[in-house]
Amino acid sequence: MRWYSIMGAAALIVAGMATAIMGEFPLPRQAADTLSGVPSVIDGDTLEVRGTRIRLHGIDAPESRQLCQVGGRSVRCGQTAALALDELISHRPVACEPKDKDRYGRIVAICKLGMTDLNGWMVMQGHALAYRTYAKDYVSQEAEARRARRGVWAGSFDYPWDWRRGKRSAQPEAAPVQTVTAGDCPIK
């Protein structure tokens, strides 16, 4: 065996160890434009992977400060959505296939955790809605979540796009606001 073969093998071992130490494990070989890595959850429909903001394609989750009414109380459904996504990902690598860029310059992508389509999972659990303005990919998952009264469908809420535009339904003043912490999502 030649010295340069040994050096090449050693370099691969060191690179693999560095990747493991940094907490990122290589995913199976994918398309060159696929973004992969352990993400940070920004909110229920936005991730950050290696410094790149990624908006989940075809879905719209309640905003972080948005409230929903469930069982006579106000619940921070946007916070619940972000925590549910974070809990599902649980510091594991995802692979995001870019589809477009939005007006804010974010990549719009379908992201997967293994074989799980995160976009579809969020809608199926009732933590996000099918964003029909941009895509119809997750309409059937939304219908299923609505039928099962999962997530936001368990009570009343403003559509996220209406809430952002200030078209908010009257929320009871006296309703207590429940702050949600990881592992304690009341809207499941």
C-alpha atoms as a PDB file:
ATOM      1  CA  MET A   1       0.000   0.000   0.000  1.00  0.00           C
ATOM      2  CA  ARG A   2       1.353   3.385  -0.880  1.00  0.00           C
ATOM      3  CA  TRP A   3       1.744   6.216   1.619  1.00  0.00           C
ATOM      4  CA  TYR A   4      -0.793   8.460  -0.160  1.00  0.00           C
ATOM      5  CA  SER A   5      -3.501   5.729   0.143  1.00  0.00           C
ATOM      6  CA  ILE A   6      -2.857   5.557   3.862  1.00  0.00           C
ATOM      7  CA  MET A   7      -2.986   9.355   4.135  1.00  0.00           C
ATOM      8  CA  GLY A   8      -6.282   9.457   2.197  1.00  0.00           C
ATOM      9  CA  ALA A   9      -7.841   6.836   4.480  1.00  0.00           C
ATOM     10  CA  ALA A  10      -6.637   8.719   7.560  1.00  0.00           C
ATOM     11  CA  ALA A  11      -8.155  11.958   6.253  1.00  0.00           C
ATOM     12  CA  LEU A  12     -11.523  10.239   5.763  1.00  0.00           C
ATOM     13  CA  ILE A  13     -11.434   8.854   9.297  1.00  0.00           C
ATOM     14  CA  VAL A  14     -10.578  12.274  10.775  1.00  0.00           C
ATOM     15  CA  ALA A  15     -13.337  13.950   8.733  1.00  0.00           C
ATOM     16  CA  GLY A  16     -15.856  11.350   9.909  1.00  0.00           C
ATOM     17  CA  MET A  17     -14.822  11.825  13.543  1.00  0.00           C
ATOM     18  CA  ALA A  18     -15.079  15.615  13.233  1.00  0.00           C
ATOM     19  CA  THR A  19     -18.571  15.284  11.775  1.00  0.00           C
ATOM     20  CA  ALA A  20     -19.647  12.994  14.634  1.00  0.00           C
ATOM     21  CA  ILE A  21     -18.184  15.326  17.269  1.00  0.00           C
ATOM     22  CA  MET A  22     -20.052  18.309  15.778  1.00  0.00           C
ATOM     23  CA  GLY A  23     -23.317  16.360  16.119  1.00  0.00           C
ATOM     24  CA  GLU A  24     -24.055  16.121  12.433  1.00  0.00           C
ATOM     25  CA  PHE A  25     -24.169  12.740  10.844  1.00  0.00           C
ATOM     26  CA  PRO A  26     -24.012  12.333   7.107  1.00  0.00           C
ATOM     27  CA  LEU A  27     -27.280  11.479   5.404  1.00  0.00           C
ATOM     28  CA  PRO A  28     -27.474   9.065   2.503  1.00  0.00           C
ATOM     29  CA  ARG A  29     -26.253  10.526  -0.783  1.00  0.00           C
ATOM     30  CA  GLN A  30     -28.836  12.967  -2.168  1.00  0.00           C
ATOM     31  CA  ALA A  31     -29.290  15.504  -4.905  1.00  0.00           C
ATOM     32  CA  ALA A  32     -26.617  18.199  -4.951  1.00  0.00           C
ATOM     33  CA  ASP A  33     -29.071  20.988  -4.082  1.00  0.00           C
ATOM     34  CA  THR A  34     -30.557  19.163  -1.057  1.00  0.00           C
ATOM     35  CA  LEU A  35     -29.865  20.972   2.224  1.00  0.00           C
ATOM     36  CA  SER A  36     -29.240  18.622   5.115  1.00  0.00           C
ATOM     37  CA  GLY A  37     -28.176  18.851   8.712  1.00  0.00           C
ATOM     38  CA  VAL A  38     -29.525  19.180  12.223  1.00  0.00           C
ATOM     39  CA  PRO A  39     -31.967  22.106  12.075  1.00  0.00           C
ATOM     40  CA  SER A  40     -33.039  24.762  14.527  1.00  0.00           C
ATOM     41  CA  VAL A  41     -36.805  25.195  14.629  1.00  0.00           C
ATOM     42  CA  ILE A  42     -37.658  28.866  14.112  1.00  0.00           C
ATOM     43  CA  ASP A  43     -41.430  28.367  14.188  1.00  0.00           C
ATOM     44  CA  GLY A  44     -44.000  25.815  13.040  1.00  0.00           C
ATOM     45  CA  ASP A  45     -43.202  26.270   9.366  1.00  0.00           C
ATOM     46  CA  THR A  46     -39.605  27.517   9.339  1.00  0.00           C
ATOM     47  CA  LEU A  47     -36.300  25.766  10.010  1.00  0.00           C
ATOM     48  CA  GLU A  48     -32.709  26.893   9.884  1.00  0.00           C
ATOM     49  CA  VAL A  49     -30.146  24.429   8.563  1.00  0.00           C
ATOM     50  CA  ARG A  50     -26.479  25.450   8.636  1.00  0.00           C
ATOM     51  CA  GLY A  51     -27.339  29.151   8.622  1.00  0.00           C
ATOM     52  CA  THR A  52     -29.960  28.886   5.847  1.00  0.00           C
ATOM     53  CA  ARG A  53     -33.605  29.740   6.592  1.00  0.00           C
ATOM     54  CA  ILE A  54     -36.017  27.221   5.100  1.00  0.00           C
ATOM     55  CA  ARG A  55     -39.772  27.812   4.817  1.00  0.00           C
ATOM     56  CA  LEU A  56     -41.703  24.546   4.690  1.00  0.00           C
ATOM     57  CA  HIS A  57     -43.398  24.267   1.285  1.00  0.00           C
ATOM     58  CA  GLY A  58     -47.189  24.198   1.044  1.00  0.00           C
ATOM     59  CA  ILE A  59     -48.012  24.768   4.708  1.00  0.00           C
ATOM     60  CA  ASP A  60     -48.750  27.682   7.023  1.00  0.00           C
ATOM     61  CA  ALA A  61     -48.533  27.308  10.804  1.00  0.00           C
ATOM     62  CA  PRO A  62     -50.002  29.679  13.376  1.00  0.00           C
ATOM     63  CA  GLU A  63     -47.682  32.542  14.301  1.00  0.00           C
ATOM     64  CA  SER A  64     -45.660  32.366  17.523  1.00  0.00           C
ATOM     65  CA  ARG A  65     -47.876  34.909  19.338  1.00  0.00           C
ATOM     66  CA  GLN A  66     -51.101  33.582  17.856  1.00  0.00           C
ATOM     67  CA  LEU A  67     -53.756  32.281  20.238  1.00  0.00           C
ATOM     68  CA  CYS A  68     -56.353  29.577  19.632  1.00  0.00           C
ATOM     69  CA  GLN A  69     -59.349  28.686  21.774  1.00  0.00           C
ATOM     70  CA  VAL A  70     -59.396  25.120  23.088  1.00  0.00           C
ATOM     71  CA  GLY A  71     -61.694  23.928  25.848  1.00  0.00           C
ATOM     72  CA  GLY A  72     -62.578  27.462  26.923  1.00  0.00           C
ATOM     73  CA  ARG A  73     -58.977  28.637  27.278  1.00  0.00           C
ATOM     74  CA  SER A  74     -56.575  30.543  25.111  1.00  0.00           C
ATOM     75  CA  VAL A  75     -53.617  28.462  23.990  1.00  0.00           C
ATOM     76  CA  ARG A  76     -50.494  29.706  22.222  1.00  0.00           C
ATOM     77  CA  CYS A  77     -51.054  27.493  19.179  1.00  0.00           C
ATOM     78  CA  GLY A  78     -48.085  28.954  17.277  1.00  0.00           C
ATOM     79  CA  GLN A  79     -45.788  28.095  20.165  1.00  0.00           C
ATOM     80  CA  THR A  80     -47.382  24.633  20.360  1.00  0.00           C
ATOM     81  CA  ALA A  81     -46.691  24.065  16.648  1.00  0.00           C
ATOM     82  CA  ALA A  82     -43.016  25.027  16.961  1.00  0.00           C
ATOM     83  CA  LEU A  83     -42.553  22.818  20.022  1.00  0.00           C
ATOM     84  CA  ALA A  84     -44.232  19.848  18.326  1.00  0.00           C
ATOM     85  CA  LEU A  85     -41.916  20.187  15.304  1.00  0.00           C
ATOM     86  CA  ASP A  86     -38.885  20.548  17.550  1.00  0.00           C
ATOM     87  CA  GLU A  87     -39.906  17.489  19.577  1.00  0.00           C
ATOM     88  CA  LEU A  88     -40.375  15.401  16.424  1.00  0.00           C
ATOM     89  CA  ILE A  89     -36.982  16.399  15.001  1.00  0.00           C
ATOM     90  CA  SER A  90     -35.296  15.944  18.378  1.00  0.00           C
ATOM     91  CA  HIS A  91     -31.800  17.058  17.275  1.00  0.00           C
ATOM     92  CA  ARG A  92     -31.698  14.645  14.337  1.00  0.00           C
ATOM     93  CA  PRO A  93     -30.637  15.559  10.795  1.00  0.00           C
ATOM     94  CA  VAL A  94     -33.207  16.447   8.159  1.00  0.00           C
ATOM     95  CA  ALA A  95     -32.955  16.659   4.389  1.00  0.00           C
ATOM     96  CA  CYS A  96     -34.687  19.549   2.623  1.00  0.00           C
ATOM     97  CA  GLU A  97     -35.371  19.550  -1.107  1.00  0.00           C
ATOM     98  CA  PRO A  98     -35.667  23.159  -2.351  1.00  0.00           C
ATOM     99  CA  LYS A  99     -38.686  23.980  -4.510  1.00  0.00           C
ATOM    100  CA  ASP A 100     -38.552  27.772  -4.675  1.00  0.00           C
ATOM    101  CA  LYS A 101     -37.545  30.988  -2.884  1.00  0.00           C
ATOM    102  CA  ASP A 102     -40.035  33.229  -1.123  1.00  0.00           C
ATOM    103  CA  ARG A 103     -40.211  37.021  -1.186  1.00  0.00           C
ATOM    104  CA  TYR A 104     -37.984  37.179   1.911  1.00  0.00           C
ATOM    105  CA  GLY A 105     -35.225  35.201   0.205  1.00  0.00           C
ATOM    106  CA  ARG A 106     -35.843  32.026   2.200  1.00  0.00           C
ATOM    107  CA  ILE A 107     -35.579  28.655   0.522  1.00  0.00           C
ATOM    108  CA  VAL A 108     -39.010  27.005   0.250  1.00  0.00           C
ATOM    109  CA  ALA A 109     -38.571  23.248   0.582  1.00  0.00           C
ATOM    110  CA  ILE A 110     -40.015  19.873   1.425  1.00  0.00           C
ATOM    111  CA  CYS A 111     -38.100  18.627   4.444  1.00  0.00           C
ATOM    112  CA  LYS A 112     -37.869  15.050   5.603  1.00  0.00           C
ATOM    113  CA  LEU A 113     -36.735  13.334   8.750  1.00  0.00           C
ATOM    114  CA  GLY A 114     -35.870   9.910   7.417  1.00  0.00           C
ATOM    115  CA  MET A 115     -38.988   8.949   5.452  1.00  0.00           C
ATOM    116  CA  THR A 116     -41.286  11.374   7.333  1.00  0.00           C
ATOM    117  CA  ASP A 117     -42.367  14.422   5.324  1.00  0.00           C
ATOM    118  CA  LEU A 118     -42.225  17.129   8.020  1.00  0.00           C
ATOM    119  CA  ASN A 119     -44.508  19.440   6.052  1.00  0.00           C
ATOM    120  CA  GLY A 120     -47.225  16.778   5.769  1.00  0.00           C
ATOM    121  CA  TRP A 121     -46.749  15.656   9.375  1.00  0.00           C
ATOM    122  CA  MET A 122     -47.347  19.196  10.674  1.00  0.00           C
ATOM    123  CA  VAL A 123     -50.596  19.442   8.706  1.00  0.00           C
ATOM    124  CA  MET A 124     -51.717  15.906   9.634  1.00  0.00           C
ATOM    125  CA  GLN A 125     -51.224  16.692  13.333  1.00  0.00           C
ATOM    126  CA  GLY A 126     -53.230  19.919  13.016  1.00  0.00           C
ATOM    127  CA  HIS A 127     -50.242  22.130  13.814  1.00  0.00           C
ATOM    128  CA  ALA A 128     -50.288  23.746  10.348  1.00  0.00           C
ATOM    129  CA  LEU A 129     -52.701  24.236   7.480  1.00  0.00           C
ATOM    130  CA  ALA A 130     -52.401  23.461   3.789  1.00  0.00           C
ATOM    131  CA  TYR A 131     -51.314  26.787   2.262  1.00  0.00           C
ATOM    132  CA  ARG A 132     -53.524  26.596  -0.815  1.00  0.00           C
ATOM    133  CA  THR A 133     -52.357  29.986  -2.079  1.00  0.00           C
ATOM    134  CA  TYR A 134     -49.027  28.384  -2.987  1.00  0.00           C
ATOM    135  CA  ALA A 135     -49.669  24.637  -3.238  1.00  0.00           C
ATOM    136  CA  LYS A 136     -52.322  21.990  -2.811  1.00  0.00           C
ATOM    137  CA  ASP A 137     -49.903  19.243  -1.717  1.00  0.00           C
ATOM    138  CA  TYR A 138     -51.263  18.846   1.814  1.00  0.00           C
ATOM    139  CA  VAL A 139     -55.015  19.343   1.387  1.00  0.00           C
ATOM    140  CA  SER A 140     -55.840  15.691   2.156  1.00  0.00           C
ATOM    141  CA  GLN A 141     -53.743  15.769   5.347  1.00  0.00           C
ATOM    142  CA  GLU A 142     -55.591  18.903   6.451  1.00  0.00           C
ATOM    143  CA  ALA A 143     -58.964  17.249   5.799  1.00  0.00           C
ATOM    144  CA  GLU A 144     -57.897  14.262   7.926  1.00  0.00           C
ATOM    145  CA  ALA A 145     -56.705  16.494  10.799  1.00  0.00           C
ATOM    146  CA  ARG A 146     -59.975  18.446  10.648  1.00  0.00           C
ATOM    147  CA  ARG A 147     -62.078  15.253  10.720  1.00  0.00           C
ATOM    148  CA  ALA A 148     -60.081  13.932  13.689  1.00  0.00           C
ATOM    149  CA  ARG A 149     -60.180  17.358  15.424  1.00  0.00           C
ATOM    150  CA  ARG A 150     -56.399  17.353  15.883  1.00  0.00           C
ATOM    151  CA  GLY A 151     -54.355  20.391  16.825  1.00  0.00           C
ATOM    152  CA  VAL A 152     -55.977  23.701  15.943  1.00  0.00           C
ATOM    153  CA  TRP A 153     -59.052  21.821  14.701  1.00  0.00           C
ATOM    154  CA  ALA A 154     -59.830  20.848  18.331  1.00  0.00           C
ATOM    155  CA  GLY A 155     -61.089  24.380  18.972  1.00  0.00           C
ATOM    156  CA  SER A 156     -61.390  27.704  17.183  1.00  0.00           C
ATOM    157  CA  PHE A 157     -58.641  29.737  15.580  1.00  0.00           C
ATOM    158  CA  ASP A 158     -57.906  32.372  12.976  1.00  0.00           C
ATOM    159  CA  TYR A 159     -56.244  31.175   9.798  1.00  0.00           C
ATOM    160  CA  PRO A 160     -52.564  32.192  10.071  1.00  0.00           C
ATOM    161  CA  TRP A 161     -52.754  34.293   6.888  1.00  0.00           C
ATOM    162  CA  ASP A 162     -55.769  36.185   8.275  1.00  0.00           C
ATOM    163  CA  TRP A 163     -54.135  36.622  11.688  1.00  0.00           C
ATOM    164  CA  ARG A 164     -51.037  38.187  10.078  1.00  0.00           C
ATOM    165  CA  ARG A 165     -53.249  40.652   8.191  1.00  0.00           C
ATOM    166  CA  GLY A 166     -54.964  41.685  11.427  1.00  0.00           C
ATOM    167  CA  LYS A 167     -58.236  39.922  10.578  1.00  0.00           C
ATOM    168  CA  ARG A 168     -58.577  38.437  14.026  1.00  0.00           C
ATOM    169  CA  SER A 169     -61.721  37.135  15.624  1.00  0.00           C
ATOM    170  CA  ALA A 170     -62.633  38.543  19.002  1.00  0.00           C
ATOM    171  CA  GLN A 171     -60.804  36.595  21.695  1.00  0.00           C
ATOM    172  CA  PRO A 172     -62.415  36.519  25.148  1.00  0.00           C
ATOM    173  CA  GLU A 173     -60.610  38.988  27.411  1.00  0.00           C
ATOM    174  CA  ALA A 174     -60.920  36.830  30.523  1.00  0.00           C
ATOM    175  CA  ALA A 175     -59.714  33.575  28.946  1.00  0.00           C
ATOM    176  CA  PRO A 176     -56.479  32.484  30.607  1.00  0.00           C
ATOM    177  CA  VAL A 177     -53.486  32.094  28.318  1.00  0.00           C
ATOM    178  CA  GLN A 178     -51.665  28.826  28.648  1.00  0.00           C
ATOM    179  CA  THR A 179     -47.928  28.943  28.058  1.00  0.00           C
ATOM    180  CA  VAL A 180     -46.721  25.702  26.557  1.00  0.00           C
ATOM    181  CA  THR A 181     -43.419  24.029  27.277  1.00  0.00           C
ATOM    182  CA  ALA A 182     -41.732  21.177  25.426  1.00  0.00           C
ATOM    183  CA  GLY A 183     -43.428  17.840  26.072  1.00  0.00           C
ATOM    184  CA  ASP A 184     -46.592  19.574  27.320  1.00  0.00           C
ATOM    185  CA  CYS A 185     -48.463  20.373  24.122  1.00  0.00           C
ATOM    186  CA  PRO A 186     -52.202  20.564  24.943  1.00  0.00           C
ATOM    187  CA  ILE A 187     -53.161  20.510  21.268  1.00  0.00           C
ATOM    188  CA  LYS A 188     -52.274  17.047  20.007  1.00  0.00           C
END
